[in-house]
């Protein structure tokens, strides 16, 4: 059961119109070949990706591709979003507590997370994207997702700990601040540089015996940077 309501009718200045649900269903059917968690697929079906891209790109919204969102950033491919959230859920259908997202971008991934969590906190370092993400989420009536301007490398300690942390940018190493803000039993999924100097998905679980790390498939994300661009 989602904690959001999307009451805005389809077909208003979207370029997708009433076919949005059917086009989205075809995308989700393709994702289902690799993503097996039903809750993730339902969330991907529920979120109208065309509302998070620029109007000139709405006809490409349900292609499995990254798209520019301005400020040198992109909205992630749907299969990457679904894959990372499936890893983050670790077999569960919902998050049991607060979720932290590093890199709000246009708000799309935060919206998918918002379908699966009661509270999502998203940190974005680019002020223009904070404005864009907030507007997109507000237009779709997401009230359980908060987007803050801040340095993602610092996380968001004000409301920590988090049962799940996900990053849309990759650095040389996972910041210690993120690990500190992860709840016991929580899981972190982020891109990071592996030993062969290639970026890969990294999963870290916080256990009573310490952190357990798994390095998965190669990925390509924008670099993780510190500071704020206002």
Protein backbone atom coordinates (compact mmCIF):
# COMPACT_ATOMS: atom_id res chain seq x y z
CA UNK A 1 0.00 0.00 0.00
CA UNK A 2 1.49 3.33 -1.05
CA UNK A 3 1.39 6.45 1.08
CA UNK A 4 0.91 8.80 -1.86
CA UNK A 5 -1.93 9.80 -4.09
CA UNK A 6 -1.55 10.78 -7.73
CA UNK A 7 -4.77 12.52 -8.60
CA UNK A 8 -3.62 14.65 -11.51
CA UNK A 9 -5.38 13.39 -14.65
CA UNK A 10 -3.32 12.10 -17.54
CA UNK A 11 -3.32 13.85 -20.89
CA UNK A 12 -2.57 17.41 -19.74
CA UNK A 13 0.47 18.89 -21.56
CA UNK A 14 2.39 15.63 -21.30
CA UNK A 15 2.70 14.47 -24.89
CA UNK A 16 1.84 11.01 -23.59
CA UNK A 17 -1.85 11.39 -22.79
CA UNK A 18 -4.12 8.55 -21.87
CA UNK A 19 -1.70 5.98 -23.29
CA UNK A 20 0.77 6.65 -20.46
CA UNK A 21 -0.34 3.70 -18.36
CA UNK A 22 -0.14 1.26 -21.28
CA UNK A 23 3.29 2.51 -22.37
CA UNK A 24 4.51 2.30 -18.78
CA UNK A 25 3.14 -1.24 -18.51
CA UNK A 26 5.19 -2.28 -21.52
CA UNK A 27 8.30 -0.82 -19.91
CA UNK A 28 7.59 -2.65 -16.67
CA UNK A 29 7.06 -5.91 -18.59
CA UNK A 30 10.57 -5.50 -19.99
CA UNK A 31 11.97 -4.72 -16.54
CA UNK A 32 10.30 -7.85 -15.15
CA UNK A 33 12.71 -10.01 -17.14
CA UNK A 34 15.43 -9.02 -14.68
CA UNK A 35 13.66 -7.45 -11.68
CA UNK A 36 11.66 -10.01 -9.71
CA UNK A 37 10.39 -8.08 -6.69
CA UNK A 38 6.65 -7.44 -7.34
CA UNK A 39 6.62 -4.38 -5.10
CA UNK A 40 9.35 -2.72 -7.15
CA UNK A 41 7.55 -3.44 -10.40
CA UNK A 42 4.30 -2.05 -8.97
CA UNK A 43 6.11 1.11 -7.90
CA UNK A 44 7.67 1.51 -11.35
CA UNK A 45 4.21 1.11 -12.87
CA UNK A 46 2.72 3.70 -10.51
CA UNK A 47 5.23 6.49 -11.11
CA UNK A 48 4.64 8.55 -14.24
CA UNK A 49 8.18 9.05 -15.51
CA UNK A 50 7.06 11.49 -18.21
CA UNK A 51 6.22 14.00 -15.46
CA UNK A 52 9.88 14.09 -14.41
CA UNK A 53 11.49 14.84 -17.79
CA UNK A 54 11.50 18.00 -19.88
CA UNK A 55 8.53 18.45 -22.23
CA UNK A 56 10.70 17.96 -25.31
CA UNK A 57 11.65 14.47 -24.09
CA UNK A 58 8.30 13.07 -22.92
CA UNK A 59 8.00 10.77 -25.93
CA UNK A 60 11.21 9.08 -24.74
CA UNK A 61 10.14 8.88 -21.11
CA UNK A 62 9.33 5.16 -21.18
CA UNK A 63 12.36 4.07 -23.12
CA UNK A 64 14.92 2.29 -20.97
CA UNK A 65 17.46 5.04 -21.31
CA UNK A 66 18.97 7.88 -19.33
CA UNK A 67 17.80 11.37 -20.32
CA UNK A 68 19.26 14.83 -19.66
CA UNK A 69 17.58 16.87 -16.93
CA UNK A 70 19.80 19.95 -17.10
CA UNK A 71 22.82 21.09 -15.09
CA UNK A 72 24.92 18.35 -16.67
CA UNK A 73 22.87 15.63 -14.96
CA UNK A 74 20.61 12.82 -16.17
CA UNK A 75 17.59 10.87 -15.01
CA UNK A 76 18.73 7.26 -14.54
CA UNK A 77 17.62 4.43 -16.80
CA UNK A 78 14.47 2.74 -15.40
CA UNK A 79 16.20 -0.62 -15.19
CA UNK A 80 18.98 0.88 -13.07
CA UNK A 81 16.45 2.51 -10.72
CA UNK A 82 14.50 -0.73 -10.41
CA UNK A 83 17.64 -2.82 -9.93
CA UNK A 84 19.06 -0.61 -7.17
CA UNK A 85 15.76 -0.36 -5.30
CA UNK A 86 15.28 -4.12 -5.52
CA UNK A 87 18.72 -4.58 -3.98
CA UNK A 88 17.90 -1.99 -1.34
CA UNK A 89 14.69 -3.79 -0.34
CA UNK A 90 16.60 -7.08 0.03
CA UNK A 91 13.56 -9.27 -0.55
CA UNK A 92 11.07 -7.13 1.38
CA UNK A 93 8.02 -5.42 -0.09
CA UNK A 94 8.35 -2.17 1.87
CA UNK A 95 10.95 -0.24 3.80
CA UNK A 96 10.47 -0.50 7.54
CA UNK A 97 11.81 2.97 8.28
CA UNK A 98 13.26 6.15 6.80
CA UNK A 99 15.11 6.11 3.47
CA UNK A 100 17.91 8.51 2.47
CA UNK A 101 18.61 9.28 -1.18
CA UNK A 102 21.83 10.97 -2.24
CA UNK A 103 21.22 12.96 -5.42
CA UNK A 104 17.59 13.90 -5.97
CA UNK A 105 18.05 14.93 -9.60
CA UNK A 106 14.60 15.56 -11.06
CA UNK A 107 12.87 13.60 -8.27
CA UNK A 108 12.02 10.43 -10.24
CA UNK A 109 13.86 7.87 -8.14
CA UNK A 110 12.63 9.58 -4.98
CA UNK A 111 9.08 9.15 -6.27
CA UNK A 112 9.61 5.41 -6.79
CA UNK A 113 11.07 5.17 -3.29
CA UNK A 114 8.08 7.15 -2.04
CA UNK A 115 5.80 4.35 -3.21
CA UNK A 116 7.66 1.93 -0.94
CA UNK A 117 8.51 3.95 2.16
CA UNK A 118 6.64 6.11 4.63
CA UNK A 119 9.40 8.76 4.66
CA UNK A 120 12.04 9.55 2.03
CA UNK A 121 14.68 12.23 2.53
CA UNK A 122 16.61 13.26 -0.57
CA UNK A 123 19.72 15.45 -0.65
CA UNK A 124 20.68 17.37 -3.78
CA UNK A 125 23.70 19.69 -4.14
CA UNK A 126 22.44 21.63 -7.18
CA UNK A 127 19.88 24.27 -6.22
CA UNK A 128 18.25 24.28 -9.67
CA UNK A 129 17.58 20.55 -9.41
CA UNK A 130 16.19 20.93 -5.90
CA UNK A 131 13.65 23.38 -7.31
CA UNK A 132 12.85 21.04 -10.21
CA UNK A 133 12.53 17.93 -8.03
CA UNK A 134 10.29 19.68 -5.51
CA UNK A 135 8.03 20.99 -8.27
CA UNK A 136 7.76 17.57 -9.92
CA UNK A 137 7.00 15.79 -6.66
CA UNK A 138 4.47 18.42 -5.62
CA UNK A 139 2.70 18.19 -8.98
CA UNK A 140 2.29 14.45 -8.42
CA UNK A 141 1.18 15.03 -4.81
CA UNK A 142 4.01 13.19 -3.07
CA UNK A 143 3.79 14.34 0.52
CA UNK A 144 6.13 11.75 2.05
CA UNK A 145 9.25 12.83 0.13
CA UNK A 146 11.38 15.76 1.27
CA UNK A 147 14.10 17.20 -0.97
CA UNK A 148 16.82 19.25 0.73
CA UNK A 149 19.66 21.34 -0.66
CA UNK A 150 22.88 20.03 0.80
CA UNK A 151 26.20 18.29 0.36
CA UNK A 152 25.31 14.68 -0.32
CA UNK A 153 28.67 13.45 0.91
CA UNK A 154 27.59 14.56 4.39
CA UNK A 155 24.29 12.67 4.18
CA UNK A 156 21.50 14.12 6.31
CA UNK A 157 22.23 13.43 9.99
CA UNK A 158 19.30 15.48 11.30
CA UNK A 159 16.83 12.58 11.00
CA UNK A 160 19.22 9.61 10.94
CA UNK A 161 19.40 6.65 11.24
CA UNK A 162 18.06 5.26 7.96
CA UNK A 163 17.10 1.69 7.19
CA UNK A 164 18.19 2.28 3.60
CA UNK A 165 20.55 4.66 1.81
CA UNK A 166 20.83 4.90 -1.97
CA UNK A 167 23.12 7.09 -4.05
CA UNK A 168 22.75 8.30 -7.63
CA UNK A 169 26.43 9.29 -7.83
CA UNK A 170 29.65 7.38 -7.33
CA UNK A 171 32.91 8.34 -5.66
CA UNK A 172 36.29 6.84 -4.86
CA UNK A 173 34.89 5.31 -1.70
CA UNK A 174 31.65 5.16 0.28
CA UNK A 175 31.65 8.17 2.65
CA UNK A 176 31.95 7.24 6.31
CA UNK A 177 29.13 9.69 7.07
CA UNK A 178 26.71 7.46 5.15
CA UNK A 179 27.79 4.38 7.08
CA UNK A 180 27.41 6.27 10.36
CA UNK A 181 23.84 7.25 9.43
CA UNK A 182 22.82 3.72 8.44
CA UNK A 183 20.66 1.95 11.02
CA UNK A 184 21.71 -1.39 12.46
CA UNK A 185 20.38 -4.00 10.04
CA UNK A 186 20.15 -1.36 7.32
CA UNK A 187 21.44 -1.57 3.76
CA UNK A 188 23.26 0.87 1.50
CA UNK A 189 23.37 0.63 -2.31
CA UNK A 190 25.64 2.95 -4.27
CA UNK A 191 28.08 3.05 -7.17
CA UNK A 192 31.73 3.20 -6.21
CA UNK A 193 35.12 2.54 -7.74
CA UNK A 194 36.09 -1.12 -7.55
CA UNK A 195 39.63 -2.46 -7.33
CA UNK A 196 40.05 -2.48 -11.11
CA UNK A 197 39.26 1.24 -11.25
CA UNK A 198 35.89 0.55 -12.82
CA UNK A 199 32.71 1.85 -11.26
CA UNK A 200 30.50 -0.90 -9.85
CA UNK A 201 27.39 -1.26 -7.72
CA UNK A 202 28.27 -1.78 -4.08
CA UNK A 203 25.93 -3.19 -1.44
CA UNK A 204 26.79 -2.68 2.22
CA UNK A 205 24.87 -4.24 5.12
CA UNK A 206 25.32 -2.98 8.67
CA UNK A 207 25.38 -5.95 11.04
CA UNK A 208 26.20 -6.39 14.73
CA UNK A 209 29.51 -7.85 13.58
CA UNK A 210 30.38 -4.93 11.34
CA UNK A 211 29.83 -3.94 7.74
CA UNK A 212 29.45 -6.59 5.04
CA UNK A 213 30.21 -5.41 1.51
CA UNK A 214 29.37 -6.96 -1.85
CA UNK A 215 30.63 -5.65 -5.19
CA UNK A 216 28.23 -6.32 -8.06
CA UNK A 217 27.99 -5.43 -11.75
CA UNK A 218 29.78 -2.54 -13.49
CA UNK A 219 27.76 0.69 -13.77
CA UNK A 220 28.31 4.24 -14.95
CA UNK A 221 27.05 7.10 -12.79
CA UNK A 222 27.94 10.77 -12.53
CA UNK A 223 30.79 11.44 -10.09
CA UNK A 224 30.03 12.08 -6.44
CA UNK A 225 31.02 15.64 -5.56
CA UNK A 226 31.10 17.68 -2.40
CA UNK A 227 29.81 21.19 -1.89
CA UNK A 228 26.66 23.03 -2.94
CA UNK A 229 25.89 24.77 -6.24
CA UNK A 230 23.38 27.49 -5.45
